[in-house]
Amino acid sequence: MSNPFETAPASRGRAERVHPATTHLIVLPGGGYASHAPHEAEPAVAWLSTLGLSASVFRYPLHVRHPEPLLALRAEIRRRREQGADRIGVIGFSAGGHLAGLAALAPGDDPRESVQFAVLGYAITSMETESYRPARLILLGEDAPPDLRRRTSLDALVTTASPPFFLWHTAEDIYVPPEHTYRLASALAAHEVPHTVHVFAHGPHSLGLAQGAGDATTWTKFAESWIAEQVRIRIHADGPKAD
């Protein structure tokens, strides 16, 4: 498969190309808000680097209550913008996917903290379900009121202004059931937010890049093409214009 990030040849006075230097992807490993899974960290950055993309791992605070992880991630987003990134993408796995989704969807007042696209792998999306309770207890506490659980559920935060999402999961995930991805996808569809969803028949939780995991291993190829769409810029005779 050709690299979707390669510059296309100029044609009729215009060229289609990507500018990876102006887009930075922040990788958020999973671990139930109790740890950072190593295989969901640097290996993901290495994969993105092979595509010519700027990427880094962000190890957010653990064993702390909301909104501390989100505030820390927003500070990291601001820092990356100060270093020259004009577009920020987030890639999160499991609990890291939940935090990535919060950064993309939770209301905020500072445009420097905005997220332009998000890739979530087997993410915790709802704090209103009882699945993967340990992460909810760490983030929200034992007696979290219903309104707090709602305000930290990604499906409840989607609006028509939300950025595009790429979601993937496996149907056999017993720790974070695919219901989490279905809930978020349904909300994105209801608000007409661009999104892509892949739910693979087989595979356990915490696959990371899913190398050697059957059909699930193809998620990175699908994601490569999707990410390319998010960062592509069409150069016209009258200057840059986003697709």
Protein backbone atom coordinates (compact mmCIF):
# COMPACT_ATOMS: atom_id res chain seq x y z
CA MET A 1 0.00 0.00 0.00
CA SER A 2 1.33 3.43 -0.88
CA ASN A 3 1.95 5.93 1.87
CA PRO A 4 -1.17 8.14 2.06
CA PHE A 5 1.01 10.95 3.40
CA GLU A 6 3.22 11.20 0.32
CA THR A 7 3.03 14.44 -1.60
CA ALA A 8 0.98 14.13 -4.77
CA PRO A 9 2.38 15.60 -8.02
CA ALA A 10 1.27 19.07 -9.06
CA SER A 11 -1.53 19.16 -11.59
CA ARG A 12 -3.34 22.07 -13.31
CA GLY A 13 -1.77 24.67 -11.10
CA ARG A 14 -2.52 22.93 -7.82
CA ALA A 15 -0.95 20.26 -5.66
CA GLU A 16 -2.31 18.15 -2.86
CA ARG A 17 0.08 17.61 -0.01
CA VAL A 18 0.30 17.27 3.75
CA HIS A 19 2.32 19.31 6.18
CA PRO A 20 3.16 16.95 9.04
CA ALA A 21 5.29 19.60 10.75
CA THR A 22 2.19 21.67 11.49
CA THR A 23 0.20 18.72 12.83
CA HIS A 24 1.16 17.01 16.07
CA LEU A 25 -0.39 13.83 17.45
CA ILE A 26 -0.47 13.15 21.17
CA VAL A 27 -0.59 9.47 22.14
CA LEU A 28 -2.35 8.57 25.39
CA PRO A 29 -1.74 5.00 26.59
CA GLY A 30 -4.36 3.10 28.55
CA GLY A 31 -4.14 1.55 31.98
CA GLY A 32 -7.42 2.28 33.74
CA TYR A 33 -6.16 5.64 35.09
CA ALA A 34 -3.91 3.50 37.34
CA SER A 35 -0.93 2.91 35.01
CA HIS A 36 0.37 3.64 31.52
CA ALA A 37 0.51 0.58 29.26
CA PRO A 38 3.98 0.56 27.61
CA HIS A 39 2.83 -1.17 24.43
CA GLU A 40 0.28 1.61 23.83
CA ALA A 41 2.87 4.37 24.16
CA GLU A 42 6.21 4.56 22.28
CA PRO A 43 5.28 1.82 19.76
CA ALA A 44 2.37 4.00 18.60
CA VAL A 45 4.69 7.00 18.25
CA ALA A 46 7.12 4.87 16.24
CA TRP A 47 4.28 3.83 13.90
CA LEU A 48 3.19 7.43 13.37
CA SER A 49 6.80 8.48 12.81
CA THR A 50 7.10 6.01 9.92
CA LEU A 51 4.30 8.01 8.27
CA GLY A 52 6.29 11.23 8.58
CA LEU A 53 4.06 12.56 11.36
CA SER A 54 5.14 14.42 14.47
CA ALA A 55 3.95 12.53 17.56
CA SER A 56 4.70 12.12 21.24
CA VAL A 57 3.49 10.18 24.27
CA PHE A 58 1.82 12.10 27.07
CA ARG A 59 1.79 10.34 30.42
CA TYR A 60 -1.09 12.02 32.17
CA PRO A 61 -1.48 12.01 35.98
CA LEU A 62 -2.62 8.73 37.55
CA HIS A 63 -4.70 7.95 40.64
CA VAL A 64 -6.18 11.45 40.64
CA ARG A 65 -9.69 12.78 40.29
CA HIS A 66 -11.28 14.51 37.34
CA PRO A 67 -10.48 17.07 35.97
CA GLU A 68 -6.75 16.79 36.82
CA PRO A 69 -5.83 14.48 33.90
CA LEU A 70 -7.80 16.66 31.48
CA LEU A 71 -6.20 19.87 32.74
CA ALA A 72 -2.76 18.31 32.37
CA LEU A 73 -3.52 17.20 28.81
CA ARG A 74 -4.83 20.63 27.90
CA ALA A 75 -1.60 22.17 29.20
CA GLU A 76 0.33 19.75 26.97
CA ILE A 77 -1.80 20.74 23.97
CA ARG A 78 -1.05 24.41 24.63
CA ARG A 79 2.65 23.62 24.92
CA ARG A 80 2.67 21.81 21.58
CA ARG A 81 0.93 24.76 19.97
CA GLU A 82 3.53 27.12 21.41
CA GLN A 83 6.14 24.91 19.72
CA GLY A 84 4.49 25.49 16.34
CA ALA A 85 1.73 22.90 15.89
CA ASP A 86 -1.40 24.45 14.42
CA ARG A 87 -3.40 21.19 14.37
CA ILE A 88 -3.57 18.69 17.22
CA GLY A 89 -4.72 15.10 16.93
CA VAL A 90 -5.12 12.77 19.90
CA ILE A 91 -4.76 9.00 19.83
CA GLY A 92 -5.91 7.18 22.96
CA PHE A 93 -6.34 3.60 24.09
CA SER A 94 -8.81 2.41 26.75
CA ALA A 95 -8.65 4.97 29.62
CA GLY A 96 -6.31 7.03 27.46
CA GLY A 97 -9.06 6.98 24.85
CA HIS A 98 -11.49 8.35 27.41
CA LEU A 99 -9.10 11.20 28.20
CA ALA A 100 -8.51 11.85 24.50
CA GLY A 101 -12.26 12.02 23.99
CA LEU A 102 -12.66 14.44 26.88
CA ALA A 103 -10.03 16.73 25.37
CA ALA A 104 -11.83 16.66 22.04
CA LEU A 105 -15.37 17.05 23.38
CA ALA A 106 -15.48 18.73 26.81
CA PRO A 107 -16.38 22.43 26.69
CA GLY A 108 -13.42 24.79 26.89
CA ASP A 109 -12.76 28.49 26.50
CA ASP A 110 -9.17 28.48 25.22
CA PRO A 111 -8.79 27.84 21.45
CA ARG A 112 -5.17 26.85 22.07
CA GLU A 113 -6.51 23.72 23.77
CA SER A 114 -8.67 22.60 20.87
CA VAL A 115 -8.36 19.16 19.25
CA GLN A 116 -8.86 18.79 15.50
CA PHE A 117 -9.34 15.01 15.33
CA ALA A 118 -9.31 11.96 17.60
CA VAL A 119 -8.48 8.26 17.21
CA LEU A 120 -9.87 6.07 20.00
CA GLY A 121 -9.03 2.40 20.46
CA TYR A 122 -11.33 0.28 22.67
CA ALA A 123 -11.98 3.44 24.67
CA ILE A 124 -13.97 3.88 27.83
CA THR A 125 -16.58 6.34 26.61
CA SER A 126 -19.28 6.18 29.27
CA MET A 127 -19.07 6.71 33.02
CA GLU A 128 -22.78 5.88 33.27
CA THR A 129 -22.32 2.17 32.63
CA GLU A 130 -20.94 -0.25 35.21
CA SER A 131 -18.31 -1.73 32.90
CA TYR A 132 -14.68 -1.12 33.85
CA ARG A 133 -15.72 0.22 37.22
CA PRO A 134 -12.14 0.49 38.59
CA ALA A 135 -11.29 3.36 36.21
CA ARG A 136 -14.47 5.20 37.16
CA LEU A 137 -13.73 4.84 40.87
CA ILE A 138 -10.25 6.31 40.42
CA LEU A 139 -11.43 9.20 38.28
CA LEU A 140 -14.74 10.05 39.92
CA GLY A 141 -14.81 8.33 43.31
CA GLU A 142 -17.13 5.80 44.90
CA ASP A 143 -20.18 8.03 45.22
CA ALA A 144 -19.94 10.14 42.08
CA PRO A 145 -23.26 11.95 41.53
CA PRO A 146 -25.20 11.20 38.35
CA ASP A 147 -24.49 14.64 36.87
CA LEU A 148 -20.72 14.14 37.19
CA ARG A 149 -20.93 10.70 35.60
CA ARG A 150 -22.93 12.28 32.79
CA ARG A 151 -20.49 15.17 32.31
CA THR A 152 -17.60 12.73 31.93
CA SER A 153 -19.39 10.46 29.45
CA LEU A 154 -18.23 11.20 25.93
CA ASP A 155 -21.56 10.44 24.27
CA ALA A 156 -23.17 13.17 26.39
CA LEU A 157 -20.61 15.76 25.27
CA VAL A 158 -20.98 15.47 21.50
CA THR A 159 -22.24 18.56 19.65
CA THR A 160 -22.50 19.52 16.00
CA ALA A 161 -19.18 21.35 16.43
CA SER A 162 -17.28 18.25 17.62
CA PRO A 163 -14.18 17.21 15.64
CA PRO A 164 -13.98 14.03 13.51
CA PHE A 165 -13.45 10.68 15.24
CA PHE A 166 -11.94 7.34 14.25
CA LEU A 167 -13.16 4.56 16.55
CA TRP A 168 -12.11 0.93 16.73
CA HIS A 169 -12.91 -1.91 19.10
CA THR A 170 -13.24 -5.69 19.23
CA ALA A 171 -16.49 -7.54 19.85
CA GLU A 172 -14.78 -9.90 22.31
CA ASP A 173 -13.51 -7.17 24.65
CA ILE A 174 -14.76 -8.17 28.12
CA TYR A 175 -13.15 -5.31 30.05
CA VAL A 176 -14.47 -2.41 27.99
CA PRO A 177 -17.35 -3.88 25.97
CA PRO A 178 -17.94 -2.54 22.45
CA GLU A 179 -21.08 -0.90 23.79
CA HIS A 180 -18.79 1.99 24.70
CA THR A 181 -17.84 2.57 21.08
CA TYR A 182 -21.41 2.07 19.90
CA ARG A 183 -22.68 4.69 22.34
CA LEU A 184 -20.21 7.29 21.15
CA ALA A 185 -20.72 6.43 17.49
CA SER A 186 -24.47 6.80 17.90
CA ALA A 187 -24.05 10.26 19.43
CA LEU A 188 -21.66 11.31 16.66
CA ALA A 189 -24.13 10.13 14.04
CA ALA A 190 -27.03 11.92 15.73
CA HIS A 191 -25.09 15.19 15.60
CA GLU A 192 -23.79 14.56 12.06
CA VAL A 193 -20.16 14.60 13.18
CA PRO A 194 -17.80 12.89 10.67
CA HIS A 195 -16.64 9.56 12.05
CA THR A 196 -15.39 6.12 11.12
CA VAL A 197 -16.08 2.97 13.16
CA HIS A 198 -14.43 -0.46 12.98
CA VAL A 199 -15.49 -3.26 15.33
CA PHE A 200 -13.51 -6.42 14.69
CA ALA A 201 -15.01 -9.80 15.53
CA HIS A 202 -12.07 -11.17 17.49
CA GLY A 203 -9.47 -9.92 19.91
CA PRO A 204 -9.09 -9.16 23.62
CA HIS A 205 -8.80 -5.79 25.33
CA SER A 206 -5.56 -3.79 25.19
CA LEU A 207 -4.32 -4.83 21.74
CA GLY A 208 -2.35 -1.66 21.05
CA LEU A 209 -1.12 -1.78 17.46
CA ALA A 210 -2.65 -5.29 17.30
CA GLN A 211 0.26 -6.83 15.43
CA GLY A 212 -0.46 -10.49 14.72
CA ALA A 213 -4.01 -10.18 16.06
CA GLY A 214 -5.90 -11.30 12.96
CA ASP A 215 -8.29 -8.87 11.31
CA ALA A 216 -7.78 -6.34 14.09
CA THR A 217 -4.24 -5.75 12.89
CA THR A 218 -5.68 -3.86 9.93
CA TRP A 219 -6.89 -0.99 12.11
CA THR A 220 -3.61 0.87 11.62
CA LYS A 221 -3.96 0.78 7.83
CA PHE A 222 -7.48 2.12 8.04
CA ALA A 223 -6.31 4.77 10.49
CA GLU A 224 -3.42 5.82 8.24
CA SER A 225 -5.78 6.72 5.41
CA TRP A 226 -8.20 8.43 7.79
CA ILE A 227 -5.50 10.51 9.49
CA ALA A 228 -4.19 11.53 6.07
CA GLU A 229 -7.62 12.97 5.29
CA GLN A 230 -7.53 15.02 8.48
CA VAL A 231 -4.15 16.64 7.82
CA ARG A 232 -4.29 17.02 4.04
CA ILE A 233 -4.19 20.55 2.62
CA ARG A 234 -4.99 21.45 -0.93
CA ILE A 235 -2.72 24.12 -2.38
CA HIS A 236 -4.55 26.34 -4.87
CA ALA A 237 -3.18 29.07 -7.06
CA ASP A 238 -4.47 31.60 -4.56
CA GLY A 239 -2.78 29.91 -1.57
CA PRO A 240 -3.46 27.20 1.02
CA LYS A 241 -6.99 26.10 1.62
CA ALA A 242 -8.10 23.33 3.93
CA ASP A 243 -10.11 20.53 2.33
